[in-house]
Amino acid sequence: MIGIDMIKTSRMQKLMEKFGEKALLRFLCKEEIKLVKNHKTASGFWAVKEACSKALGTGIGAECGFNDIIIYKTEYGAPHIKLSEKIINNFKIKDTSVSITHDGEYAIAVVVIESF
């Protein structure tokens, strides 16, 4: 299963300017917020969570919420995702891969999910 998402980074910049950390708390946990360097990083994280929910075929909602997808980075800075037990069990997830890129005013993420 594969999902992709793109967001205009200025959209996230406006949200962060208006609401500060409250904007980030809508879709990120405290540990993820610690990884956010600026609005572009936050945009990439938004795109990851949207792409993951699309790969699952659910979108963000009752079956898969933002808190079911946790983003972390390796010691080399590569992004990875950890899914909740609910998601792993309901969708029989075996493995995940994620990639984030930024180009100009856009952040793009691709998530690949392998299931049993």
PDB file of N, CA and C in Angstrom:
ATOM      1  N   MET A   1       0.846  -1.160   0.000  1.00  0.00           N
ATOM      2  CA  MET A   1       0.000   0.000   0.000  1.00  0.00           C
ATOM      3  C   MET A   1       0.897   1.229   0.000  1.00  0.00           C
ATOM      4  N   ILE A   2       0.493   2.234  -0.750  1.00  0.00           N
ATOM      5  CA  ILE A   2       1.297   3.443  -0.855  1.00  0.00           C
ATOM      6  C   ILE A   2       0.398   4.664  -0.714  1.00  0.00           C
ATOM      7  N   GLY A   3       0.926   5.689  -0.060  1.00  0.00           N
ATOM      8  CA  GLY A   3       0.202   6.943   0.095  1.00  0.00           C
ATOM      9  C   GLY A   3       1.140   8.110  -0.124  1.00  0.00           C
ATOM     10  N   ILE A   4       0.606   9.194  -0.637  1.00  0.00           N
ATOM     11  CA  ILE A   4       1.403  10.399  -0.885  1.00  0.00           C
ATOM     12  C   ILE A   4       0.587  11.608  -0.468  1.00  0.00           C
ATOM     13  N   ASP A   5       1.274  12.635   0.008  1.00  0.00           N
ATOM     14  CA  ASP A   5       0.590  13.879   0.350  1.00  0.00           C
ATOM     15  C   ASP A   5       1.540  15.046   0.113  1.00  0.00           C
ATOM     16  N   MET A   6       0.946  16.199  -0.190  1.00  0.00           N
ATOM     17  CA  MET A   6       1.706  17.418  -0.430  1.00  0.00           C
ATOM     18  C   MET A   6       0.989  18.563   0.272  1.00  0.00           C
ATOM     19  N   ILE A   7       1.757  19.461   0.868  1.00  0.00           N
ATOM     20  CA  ILE A   7       1.191  20.622   1.541  1.00  0.00           C
ATOM     21  C   ILE A   7       2.029  21.850   1.198  1.00  0.00           C
ATOM     22  N   LYS A   8       1.358  22.963   1.005  1.00  0.00           N
ATOM     23  CA  LYS A   8       2.055  24.235   0.805  1.00  0.00           C
ATOM     24  C   LYS A   8       2.540  24.702   2.172  1.00  0.00           C
ATOM     25  N   THR A   9       3.845  24.912   2.303  1.00  0.00           N
ATOM     26  CA  THR A   9       4.428  25.201   3.612  1.00  0.00           C
ATOM     27  C   THR A   9       3.937  26.520   4.203  1.00  0.00           C
ATOM     28  N   SER A  10       3.536  27.459   3.380  1.00  0.00           N
ATOM     29  CA  SER A  10       3.035  28.739   3.896  1.00  0.00           C
ATOM     30  C   SER A  10       1.733  28.543   4.677  1.00  0.00           C
ATOM     31  N   ARG A  11       0.992  27.505   4.337  1.00  0.00           N
ATOM     32  CA  ARG A  11      -0.231  27.185   5.083  1.00  0.00           C
ATOM     33  C   ARG A  11       0.113  26.835   6.538  1.00  0.00           C
ATOM     34  N   MET A  12       1.144  26.014   6.713  1.00  0.00           N
ATOM     35  CA  MET A  12       1.581  25.642   8.058  1.00  0.00           C
ATOM     36  C   MET A  12       2.200  26.843   8.763  1.00  0.00           C
ATOM     37  N   GLN A  13       2.929  27.667   8.046  1.00  0.00           N
ATOM     38  CA  GLN A  13       3.541  28.851   8.640  1.00  0.00           C
ATOM     39  C   GLN A  13       2.464  29.767   9.237  1.00  0.00           C
ATOM     40  N   LYS A  14       1.389  29.976   8.501  1.00  0.00           N
ATOM     41  CA  LYS A  14       0.290  30.823   8.986  1.00  0.00           C
ATOM     42  C   LYS A  14      -0.356  30.228  10.234  1.00  0.00           C
ATOM     43  N   LEU A  15      -0.568  28.912  10.233  1.00  0.00           N
ATOM     44  CA  LEU A  15      -1.144  28.254  11.406  1.00  0.00           C
ATOM     45  C   LEU A  15      -0.253  28.412  12.634  1.00  0.00           C
ATOM     46  N   MET A  16       1.055  28.220  12.428  1.00  0.00           N
ATOM     47  CA  MET A  16       1.993  28.315  13.546  1.00  0.00           C
ATOM     48  C   MET A  16       2.108  29.753  14.056  1.00  0.00           C
ATOM     49  N   GLU A  17       2.070  30.721  13.153  1.00  0.00           N
ATOM     50  CA  GLU A  17       2.124  32.121  13.569  1.00  0.00           C
ATOM     51  C   GLU A  17       0.882  32.506  14.359  1.00  0.00           C
ATOM     52  N   LYS A  18      -0.257  31.989  13.945  1.00  0.00           N
ATOM     53  CA  LYS A  18      -1.519  32.351  14.587  1.00  0.00           C
ATOM     54  C   LYS A  18      -1.740  31.615  15.907  1.00  0.00           C
ATOM     55  N   PHE A  19      -1.419  30.318  15.947  1.00  0.00           N
ATOM     56  CA  PHE A  19      -1.756  29.486  17.106  1.00  0.00           C
ATOM     57  C   PHE A  19      -0.553  28.943  17.875  1.00  0.00           C
ATOM     58  N   GLY A  20       0.649  29.113  17.365  1.00  0.00           N
ATOM     59  CA  GLY A  20       1.840  28.623  18.050  1.00  0.00           C
ATOM     60  C   GLY A  20       1.836  27.115  18.207  1.00  0.00           C
ATOM     61  N   GLU A  21       2.273  26.651  19.388  1.00  0.00           N
ATOM     62  CA  GLU A  21       2.375  25.211  19.639  1.00  0.00           C
ATOM     63  C   GLU A  21       1.008  24.528  19.591  1.00  0.00           C
ATOM     64  N   LYS A  22      -0.056  25.252  19.866  1.00  0.00           N
ATOM     65  CA  LYS A  22      -1.398  24.658  19.813  1.00  0.00           C
ATOM     66  C   LYS A  22      -1.701  24.109  18.420  1.00  0.00           C
ATOM     67  N   ALA A  23      -1.201  24.772  17.387  1.00  0.00           N
ATOM     68  CA  ALA A  23      -1.394  24.284  16.025  1.00  0.00           C
ATOM     69  C   ALA A  23      -0.720  22.929  15.845  1.00  0.00           C
ATOM     70  N   LEU A  24       0.483  22.807  16.398  1.00  0.00           N
ATOM     71  CA  LEU A  24       1.222  21.552  16.266  1.00  0.00           C
ATOM     72  C   LEU A  24       0.588  20.438  17.087  1.00  0.00           C
ATOM     73  N   LEU A  25       0.051  20.786  18.251  1.00  0.00           N
ATOM     74  CA  LEU A  25      -0.575  19.782  19.113  1.00  0.00           C
ATOM     75  C   LEU A  25      -1.825  19.169  18.487  1.00  0.00           C
ATOM     76  N   ARG A  26      -2.357  19.785  17.467  1.00  0.00           N
ATOM     77  CA  ARG A  26      -3.500  19.206  16.747  1.00  0.00           C
ATOM     78  C   ARG A  26      -3.133  17.883  16.085  1.00  0.00           C
ATOM     79  N   PHE A  27      -1.858  17.752  15.664  1.00  0.00           N
ATOM     80  CA  PHE A  27      -1.488  16.555  14.907  1.00  0.00           C
ATOM     81  C   PHE A  27      -0.177  15.906  15.352  1.00  0.00           C
ATOM     82  N   LEU A  28       0.533  16.526  16.284  1.00  0.00           N
ATOM     83  CA  LEU A  28       1.799  15.967  16.752  1.00  0.00           C
ATOM     84  C   LEU A  28       1.775  15.773  18.262  1.00  0.00           C
ATOM     85  N   CYS A  29       2.529  14.777  18.737  1.00  0.00           N
ATOM     86  CA  CYS A  29       2.707  14.603  20.186  1.00  0.00           C
ATOM     87  C   CYS A  29       3.914  15.438  20.610  1.00  0.00           C
ATOM     88  N   LYS A  30       4.129  15.547  21.900  1.00  0.00           N
ATOM     89  CA  LYS A  30       5.227  16.374  22.445  1.00  0.00           C
ATOM     90  C   LYS A  30       6.597  15.950  21.914  1.00  0.00           C
ATOM     91  N   GLU A  31       6.815  14.637  21.800  1.00  0.00           N
ATOM     92  CA  GLU A  31       8.111  14.150  21.310  1.00  0.00           C
ATOM     93  C   GLU A  31       8.328  14.547  19.848  1.00  0.00           C
ATOM     94  N   GLU A  32       7.267  14.517  19.052  1.00  0.00           N
ATOM     95  CA  GLU A  32       7.384  14.924  17.654  1.00  0.00           C
ATOM     96  C   GLU A  32       7.648  16.425  17.551  1.00  0.00           C
ATOM     97  N   ILE A  33       6.995  17.196  18.410  1.00  0.00           N
ATOM     98  CA  ILE A  33       7.176  18.650  18.384  1.00  0.00           C
ATOM     99  C   ILE A  33       8.627  19.016  18.660  1.00  0.00           C
ATOM    100  N   LYS A  34       9.298  18.240  19.486  1.00  0.00           N
ATOM    101  CA  LYS A  34      10.719  18.491  19.772  1.00  0.00           C
ATOM    102  C   LYS A  34      11.575  18.375  18.510  1.00  0.00           C
ATOM    103  N   LEU A  35      11.111  17.614  17.513  1.00  0.00           N
ATOM    104  CA  LEU A  35      11.857  17.427  16.268  1.00  0.00           C
ATOM    105  C   LEU A  35      11.592  18.539  15.248  1.00  0.00           C
ATOM    106  N   VAL A  36      10.568  19.344  15.489  1.00  0.00           N
ATOM    107  CA  VAL A  36      10.179  20.392  14.538  1.00  0.00           C
ATOM    108  C   VAL A  36      11.147  21.566  14.648  1.00  0.00           C
ATOM    109  N   LYS A  37      11.810  21.865  13.530  1.00  0.00           N
ATOM    110  CA  LYS A  37      12.765  22.973  13.491  1.00  0.00           C
ATOM    111  C   LYS A  37      12.098  24.271  13.045  1.00  0.00           C
ATOM    112  N   ASN A  38      11.112  24.151  12.161  1.00  0.00           N
ATOM    113  CA  ASN A  38      10.439  25.318  11.592  1.00  0.00           C
ATOM    114  C   ASN A  38       9.155  24.865  10.891  1.00  0.00           C
ATOM    115  N   HIS A  39       8.480  25.799  10.239  1.00  0.00           N
ATOM    116  CA  HIS A  39       7.217  25.465   9.581  1.00  0.00           C
ATOM    117  C   HIS A  39       7.383  24.453   8.448  1.00  0.00           C
ATOM    118  N   LYS A  40       8.553  24.405   7.855  1.00  0.00           N
ATOM    119  CA  LYS A  40       8.774  23.436   6.774  1.00  0.00           C
ATOM    120  C   LYS A  40       8.850  22.015   7.324  1.00  0.00           C
ATOM    121  N   THR A  41       9.534  21.855   8.460  1.00  0.00           N
ATOM    122  CA  THR A  41       9.579  20.536   9.107  1.00  0.00           C
ATOM    123  C   THR A  41       8.171  20.105   9.511  1.00  0.00           C
ATOM    124  N   ALA A  42       7.427  21.022  10.123  1.00  0.00           N
ATOM    125  CA  ALA A  42       6.053  20.713  10.542  1.00  0.00           C
ATOM    126  C   ALA A  42       5.205  20.323   9.340  1.00  0.00           C
ATOM    127  N   SER A  43       5.399  20.997   8.224  1.00  0.00           N
ATOM    128  CA  SER A  43       4.653  20.663   7.003  1.00  0.00           C
ATOM    129  C   SER A  43       4.968  19.255   6.534  1.00  0.00           C
ATOM    130  N   GLY A  44       6.238  18.886   6.585  1.00  0.00           N
ATOM    131  CA  GLY A  44       6.636  17.531   6.203  1.00  0.00           C
ATOM    132  C   GLY A  44       6.003  16.492   7.100  1.00  0.00           C
ATOM    133  N   PHE A  45       5.929  16.778   8.400  1.00  0.00           N
ATOM    134  CA  PHE A  45       5.312  15.845   9.339  1.00  0.00           C
ATOM    135  C   PHE A  45       3.816  15.706   9.069  1.00  0.00           C
ATOM    136  N   TRP A  46       3.158  16.825   8.756  1.00  0.00           N
ATOM    137  CA  TRP A  46       1.731  16.771   8.396  1.00  0.00           C
ATOM    138  C   TRP A  46       1.551  15.860   7.177  1.00  0.00           C
ATOM    139  N   ALA A  47       2.400  16.071   6.175  1.00  0.00           N
ATOM    140  CA  ALA A  47       2.300  15.284   4.946  1.00  0.00           C
ATOM    141  C   ALA A  47       2.524  13.797   5.217  1.00  0.00           C
ATOM    142  N   VAL A  48       3.438  13.457   6.125  1.00  0.00           N
ATOM    143  CA  VAL A  48       3.686  12.052   6.469  1.00  0.00           C
ATOM    144  C   VAL A  48       2.432  11.411   7.041  1.00  0.00           C
ATOM    145  N   LYS A  49       1.806  12.089   7.970  1.00  0.00           N
ATOM    146  CA  LYS A  49       0.624  11.504   8.621  1.00  0.00           C
ATOM    147  C   LYS A  49      -0.530  11.363   7.638  1.00  0.00           C
ATOM    148  N   GLU A  50      -0.708  12.343   6.771  1.00  0.00           N
ATOM    149  CA  GLU A  50      -1.749  12.247   5.749  1.00  0.00           C
ATOM    150  C   GLU A  50      -1.438  11.122   4.757  1.00  0.00           C
ATOM    151  N   ALA A  51      -0.179  11.030   4.328  1.00  0.00           N
ATOM    152  CA  ALA A  51       0.218   9.985   3.375  1.00  0.00           C
ATOM    153  C   ALA A  51       0.033   8.597   3.984  1.00  0.00           C
ATOM    154  N   CYS A  52       0.367   8.450   5.253  1.00  0.00           N
ATOM    155  CA  CYS A  52       0.208   7.164   5.927  1.00  0.00           C
ATOM    156  C   CYS A  52      -1.266   6.763   5.987  1.00  0.00           C
ATOM    157  N   SER A  53      -2.119   7.697   6.358  1.00  0.00           N
ATOM    158  CA  SER A  53      -3.552   7.376   6.435  1.00  0.00           C
ATOM    159  C   SER A  53      -4.115   7.042   5.054  1.00  0.00           C
ATOM    160  N   LYS A  54      -3.584   7.663   4.026  1.00  0.00           N
ATOM    161  CA  LYS A  54      -4.014   7.345   2.654  1.00  0.00           C
ATOM    162  C   LYS A  54      -3.535   5.951   2.246  1.00  0.00           C
ATOM    163  N   ALA A  55      -2.321   5.605   2.656  1.00  0.00           N
ATOM    164  CA  ALA A  55      -1.809   4.260   2.355  1.00  0.00           C
ATOM    165  C   ALA A  55      -2.676   3.195   3.014  1.00  0.00           C
ATOM    166  N   LEU A  56      -3.185   3.502   4.202  1.00  0.00           N
ATOM    167  CA  LEU A  56      -4.080   2.568   4.894  1.00  0.00           C
ATOM    168  C   LEU A  56      -5.459   2.518   4.234  1.00  0.00           C
ATOM    169  N   GLY A  57      -5.762   3.544   3.443  1.00  0.00           N
ATOM    170  CA  GLY A  57      -7.058   3.593   2.765  1.00  0.00           C
ATOM    171  C   GLY A  57      -8.160   4.197   3.618  1.00  0.00           C
ATOM    172  N   THR A  58      -7.784   4.862   4.711  1.00  0.00           N
ATOM    173  CA  THR A  58      -8.795   5.390   5.621  1.00  0.00           C
ATOM    174  C   THR A  58      -8.873   6.907   5.645  1.00  0.00           C
ATOM    175  N   GLY A  59      -7.763   7.569   5.394  1.00  0.00           N
ATOM    176  CA  GLY A  59      -7.673   8.992   5.677  1.00  0.00           C
ATOM    177  C   GLY A  59      -7.645   9.171   7.188  1.00  0.00           C
ATOM    178  N   ILE A  60      -7.452  10.405   7.624  1.00  0.00           N
ATOM    179  CA  ILE A  60      -7.465  10.692   9.054  1.00  0.00           C
ATOM    180  C   ILE A  60      -8.915  10.747   9.513  1.00  0.00           C
ATOM    181  N   GLY A  61      -9.229   9.973  10.534  1.00  0.00           N
ATOM    182  CA  GLY A  61     -10.599   9.924  11.042  1.00  0.00           C
ATOM    183  C   GLY A  61     -10.710   8.909  12.161  1.00  0.00           C
ATOM    184  N   ALA A  62     -11.862   8.280  12.252  1.00  0.00           N
ATOM    185  CA  ALA A  62     -12.138   7.346  13.352  1.00  0.00           C
ATOM    186  C   ALA A  62     -11.231   6.116  13.323  1.00  0.00           C
ATOM    187  N   GLU A  63     -10.938   5.602  12.134  1.00  0.00           N
ATOM    188  CA  GLU A  63     -10.125   4.379  12.040  1.00  0.00           C
ATOM    189  C   GLU A  63      -8.639   4.631  12.232  1.00  0.00           C
ATOM    190  N   CYS A  64      -8.184   5.835  11.899  1.00  0.00           N
ATOM    191  CA  CYS A  64      -6.767   6.188  12.022  1.00  0.00           C
ATOM    192  C   CYS A  64      -6.667   7.669  12.352  1.00  0.00           C
ATOM    193  N   GLY A  65      -6.257   7.963  13.563  1.00  0.00           N
ATOM    194  CA  GLY A  65      -6.090   9.350  13.976  1.00  0.00           C
ATOM    195  C   GLY A  65      -4.632   9.772  13.906  1.00  0.00           C
ATOM    196  N   PHE A  66      -4.401  11.072  14.040  1.00  0.00           N
ATOM    197  CA  PHE A  66      -3.029  11.583  14.017  1.00  0.00           C
ATOM    198  C   PHE A  66      -2.145  10.917  15.066  1.00  0.00           C
ATOM    199  N   ASN A  67      -2.707  10.597  16.230  1.00  0.00           N
ATOM    200  CA  ASN A  67      -1.910   9.998  17.305  1.00  0.00           C
ATOM    201  C   ASN A  67      -1.636   8.509  17.096  1.00  0.00           C
ATOM    202  N   ASP A  68      -2.218   7.913  16.070  1.00  0.00           N
ATOM    203  CA  ASP A  68      -1.913   6.519  15.724  1.00  0.00           C
ATOM    204  C   ASP A  68      -0.629   6.418  14.899  1.00  0.00           C
ATOM    205  N   ILE A  69      -0.114   7.556  14.463  1.00  0.00           N
ATOM    206  CA  ILE A  69       1.084   7.611  13.622  1.00  0.00           C
ATOM    207  C   ILE A  69       2.099   8.503  14.330  1.00  0.00           C
ATOM    208  N   ILE A  70       3.202   7.938  14.763  1.00  0.00           N
ATOM    209  CA  ILE A  70       4.228   8.700  15.466  1.00  0.00           C
ATOM    210  C   ILE A  70       5.491   8.746  14.605  1.00  0.00           C
ATOM    211  N   ILE A  71       5.984   9.946  14.395  1.00  0.00           N
ATOM    212  CA  ILE A  71       7.186  10.157  13.587  1.00  0.00           C
ATOM    213  C   ILE A  71       8.389  10.268  14.520  1.00  0.00           C
ATOM    214  N   TYR A  72       9.456   9.591  14.158  1.00  0.00           N
ATOM    215  CA  TYR A  72      10.717   9.728  14.880  1.00  0.00           C
ATOM    216  C   TYR A  72      11.840   9.714  13.860  1.00  0.00           C
ATOM    217  N   LYS A  73      13.035  10.043  14.305  1.00  0.00           N
ATOM    218  CA  LYS A  73      14.176  10.081  13.389  1.00  0.00           C
ATOM    219  C   LYS A  73      15.281   9.172  13.902  1.00  0.00           C
ATOM    220  N   THR A  74      16.021   8.597  12.964  1.00  0.00           N
ATOM    221  CA  THR A  74      17.172   7.773  13.314  1.00  0.00           C
ATOM    222  C   THR A  74      18.319   8.681  13.757  1.00  0.00           C
ATOM    223  N   GLU A  75      19.383   8.092  14.214  1.00  0.00           N
ATOM    224  CA  GLU A  75      20.555   8.871  14.621  1.00  0.00           C
ATOM    225  C   GLU A  75      21.138   9.669  13.455  1.00  0.00           C
ATOM    226  N   TYR A  76      20.824   9.256  12.230  1.00  0.00           N
ATOM    227  CA  TYR A  76      21.306   9.965  11.045  1.00  0.00           C
ATOM    228  C   TYR A  76      20.293  10.981  10.524  1.00  0.00           C
ATOM    229  N   GLY A  77      19.151  11.097  11.195  1.00  0.00           N
ATOM    230  CA  GLY A  77      18.142  12.081  10.810  1.00  0.00           C
ATOM    231  C   GLY A  77      17.093  11.585   9.828  1.00  0.00           C
ATOM    232  N   ALA A  78      17.126  10.306   9.498  1.00  0.00           N
ATOM    233  CA  ALA A  78      16.128   9.765   8.571  1.00  0.00           C
ATOM    234  C   ALA A  78      14.789   9.597   9.283  1.00  0.00           C
ATOM    235  N   PRO A  79      13.700   9.991   8.639  1.00  0.00           N
ATOM    236  CA  PRO A  79      12.390   9.844   9.276  1.00  0.00           C
ATOM    237  C   PRO A  79      11.888   8.403   9.237  1.00  0.00           C
ATOM    238  N   HIS A  80      11.200   8.023  10.280  1.00  0.00           N
ATOM    239  CA  HIS A  80      10.525   6.726  10.372  1.00  0.00           C
ATOM    240  C   HIS A  80       9.194   6.945  11.070  1.00  0.00           C
ATOM    241  N   ILE A  81       8.305   5.972  10.948  1.00  0.00           N
ATOM    242  CA  ILE A  81       7.032   6.061  11.659  1.00  0.00           C
ATOM    243  C   ILE A  81       6.810   4.820  12.505  1.00  0.00           C
ATOM    244  N   LYS A  82       6.162   5.045  13.630  1.00  0.00           N
ATOM    245  CA  LYS A  82       5.727   3.962  14.510  1.00  0.00           C
ATOM    246  C   LYS A  82       4.212   4.045  14.546  1.00  0.00           C
ATOM    247  N   LEU A  83       3.565   2.938  14.267  1.00  0.00           N
ATOM    248  CA  LEU A  83       2.106   2.896  14.266  1.00  0.00           C
ATOM    249  C   LEU A  83       1.590   2.321  15.577  1.00  0.00           C
ATOM    250  N   SER A  84       0.402   2.756  15.963  1.00  0.00           N
ATOM    251  CA  SER A  84      -0.207   2.240  17.191  1.00  0.00           C
ATOM    252  C   SER A  84      -0.508   0.750  17.032  1.00  0.00           C
ATOM    253  N   GLU A  85      -0.620   0.067  18.160  1.00  0.00           N
ATOM    254  CA  GLU A  85      -0.963  -1.363  18.142  1.00  0.00           C
ATOM    255  C   GLU A  85      -2.300  -1.583  17.446  1.00  0.00           C
ATOM    256  N   LYS A  86      -3.235  -0.667  17.646  1.00  0.00           N
ATOM    257  CA  LYS A  86      -4.551  -0.759  17.002  1.00  0.00           C
ATOM    258  C   LYS A  86      -4.399  -0.820  15.480  1.00  0.00           C
ATOM    259  N   ILE A  87      -3.585   0.065  14.934  1.00  0.00           N
ATOM    260  CA  ILE A  87      -3.382   0.114  13.485  1.00  0.00           C
ATOM    261  C   ILE A  87      -2.626  -1.124  13.016  1.00  0.00           C
ATOM    262  N   ILE A  88      -1.575  -1.500  13.737  1.00  0.00           N
ATOM    263  CA  ILE A  88      -0.795  -2.689  13.360  1.00  0.00           C
ATOM    264  C   ILE A  88      -1.686  -3.922  13.313  1.00  0.00           C
ATOM    265  N   ASN A  89      -2.510  -4.095  14.327  1.00  0.00           N
ATOM    266  CA  ASN A  89      -3.391  -5.273  14.383  1.00  0.00           C
ATOM    267  C   ASN A  89      -4.537  -5.209  13.382  1.00  0.00           C
ATOM    268  N   ASN A  90      -5.201  -4.070  13.285  1.00  0.00           N
ATOM    269  CA  ASN A  90      -6.359  -3.946  12.373  1.00  0.00           C
ATOM    270  C   ASN A  90      -5.980  -4.091  10.912  1.00  0.00           C
ATOM    271  N   PHE A  91      -4.783  -3.628  10.555  1.00  0.00           N
ATOM    272  CA  PHE A  91      -4.371  -3.645   9.153  1.00  0.00           C
ATOM    273  C   PHE A  91      -3.265  -4.654   8.878  1.00  0.00           C
ATOM    274  N   LYS A  92      -2.902  -5.438   9.904  1.00  0.00           N
ATOM    275  CA  LYS A  92      -1.893  -6.492   9.766  1.00  0.00           C
ATOM    276  C   LYS A  92      -0.594  -5.949   9.149  1.00  0.00           C
ATOM    277  N   ILE A  93      -0.073  -4.900   9.766  1.00  0.00           N
ATOM    278  CA  ILE A  93       1.112  -4.212   9.258  1.00  0.00           C
ATOM    279  C   ILE A  93       2.375  -4.998   9.587  1.00  0.00           C
ATOM    280  N   LYS A  94       3.189  -5.175   8.571  1.00  0.00           N
ATOM    281  CA  LYS A  94       4.472  -5.861   8.725  1.00  0.00           C
ATOM    282  C   LYS A  94       5.621  -4.854   8.786  1.00  0.00           C
ATOM    283  N   ASP A  95       5.597  -3.830   7.911  1.00  0.00           N
ATOM    284  CA  ASP A  95       6.695  -2.875   7.846  1.00  0.00           C
ATOM    285  C   ASP A  95       6.209  -1.584   7.197  1.00  0.00           C
ATOM    286  N   THR A  96       6.943  -0.495   7.448  1.00  0.00           N
ATOM    287  CA  THR A  96       6.626   0.792   6.841  1.00  0.00           C
ATOM    288  C   THR A  96       7.898   1.458   6.351  1.00  0.00           C
ATOM    289  N   SER A  97       7.758   2.302   5.354  1.00  0.00           N
ATOM    290  CA  SER A  97       8.848   3.143   4.865  1.00  0.00           C
ATOM    291  C   SER A  97       8.275   4.531   4.616  1.00  0.00           C
ATOM    292  N   VAL A  98       9.098   5.549   4.865  1.00  0.00           N
ATOM    293  CA  VAL A  98       8.642   6.929   4.679  1.00  0.00           C
ATOM    294  C   VAL A  98       9.752   7.767   4.067  1.00  0.00           C
ATOM    295  N   SER A  99       9.348   8.709   3.236  1.00  0.00           N
ATOM    296  CA  SER A  99      10.286   9.668   2.667  1.00  0.00           C
ATOM    297  C   SER A  99       9.607  11.033   2.641  1.00  0.00           C
ATOM    298  N   ILE A 100      10.369  12.054   3.022  1.00  0.00           N
ATOM    299  CA  ILE A 100       9.880  13.433   3.018  1.00  0.00           C
ATOM    300  C   ILE A 100      10.821  14.254   2.153  1.00  0.00           C
ATOM    301  N   THR A 101      10.248  15.143   1.340  1.00  0.00           N
ATOM    302  CA  THR A 101      11.072  16.068   0.568  1.00  0.00           C
ATOM    303  C   THR A 101      10.421  17.438   0.582  1.00  0.00           C
ATOM    304  N   HIS A 102      11.239  18.438   0.394  1.00  0.00           N
ATOM    305  CA  HIS A 102      10.759  19.814   0.324  1.00  0.00           C
ATOM    306  C   HIS A 102      11.269  20.424  -0.976  1.00  0.00           C
ATOM    307  N   ASP A 103      10.399  21.168  -1.654  1.00  0.00           N
ATOM    308  CA  ASP A 103      10.796  21.861  -2.870  1.00  0.00           C
ATOM    309  C   ASP A 103      10.072  23.198  -2.898  1.00  0.00           C
ATOM    310  N   GLY A 104      10.827  24.254  -2.790  1.00  0.00           N
ATOM    311  CA  GLY A 104      10.214  25.580  -2.796  1.00  0.00           C
ATOM    312  C   GLY A 104       9.202  25.717  -1.686  1.00  0.00           C
ATOM    313  N   GLU A 105       7.967  25.971  -2.050  1.00  0.00           N
ATOM    314  CA  GLU A 105       6.875  26.199  -1.097  1.00  0.00           C
ATOM    315  C   GLU A 105       6.136  24.922  -0.706  1.00  0.00           C
ATOM    316  N   TYR A 106       6.652  23.759  -1.058  1.00  0.00           N
ATOM    317  CA  TYR A 106       5.909  22.526  -0.824  1.00  0.00           C
ATOM    318  C   TYR A 106       6.720  21.498  -0.037  1.00  0.00           C
ATOM    319  N   ALA A 107       5.994  20.751   0.767  1.00  0.00           N
ATOM    320  CA  ALA A 107       6.540  19.569   1.454  1.00  0.00           C
ATOM    321  C   ALA A 107       5.750  18.373   0.941  1.00  0.00           C
ATOM    322  N   ILE A 108       6.456  17.316   0.616  1.00  0.00           N
ATOM    323  CA  ILE A 108       5.828  16.121   0.047  1.00  0.00           C
ATOM    324  C   ILE A 108       6.312  14.906   0.830  1.00  0.00           C
ATOM    325  N   ALA A 109       5.384  13.990   1.111  1.00  0.00           N
ATOM    326  CA  ALA A 109       5.756  12.758   1.807  1.00  0.00           C
ATOM    327  C   ALA A 109       5.135  11.557   1.093  1.00  0.00           C
ATOM    328  N   VAL A 110       5.891  10.479   1.096  1.00  0.00           N
ATOM    329  CA  VAL A 110       5.427   9.208   0.556  1.00  0.00           C
ATOM    330  C   VAL A 110       5.596   8.166   1.658  1.00  0.00           C
ATOM    331  N   VAL A 111       4.549   7.364   1.865  1.00  0.00           N
ATOM    332  CA  VAL A 111       4.596   6.278   2.854  1.00  0.00           C
ATOM    333  C   VAL A 111       4.226   4.979   2.146  1.00  0.00           C
ATOM    334  N   VAL A 112       5.032   3.963   2.377  1.00  0.00           N
ATOM    335  CA  VAL A 112       4.759   2.619   1.857  1.00  0.00           C
ATOM    336  C   VAL A 112       4.525   1.714   3.070  1.00  0.00           C
ATOM    337  N   ILE A 113       3.444   0.960   3.010  1.00  0.00           N
ATOM    338  CA  ILE A 113       3.098   0.045   4.084  1.00  0.00           C
ATOM    339  C   ILE A 113       3.030  -1.370   3.527  1.00  0.00           C
ATOM    340  N   GLU A 114       3.727  -2.270   4.211  1.00  0.00           N
ATOM    341  CA  GLU A 114       3.694  -3.686   3.843  1.00  0.00           C
ATOM    342  C   GLU A 114       2.864  -4.423   4.896  1.00  0.00           C
ATOM    343  N   SER A 115       1.916  -5.212   4.429  1.00  0.00           N
ATOM    344  CA  SER A 115       1.091  -5.975   5.358  1.00  0.00           C
ATOM    345  C   SER A 115       1.275  -7.468   5.088  1.00  0.00           C
ATOM    346  N   PHE A 116       0.802  -8.275   6.063  1.00  0.00           N
ATOM    347  CA  PHE A 116       0.906  -9.729   5.939  1.00  0.00           C
ATOM    348  C   PHE A 116      -0.108 -10.256   4.969  1.00  0.00           C
TER     349      PHE A 116
END
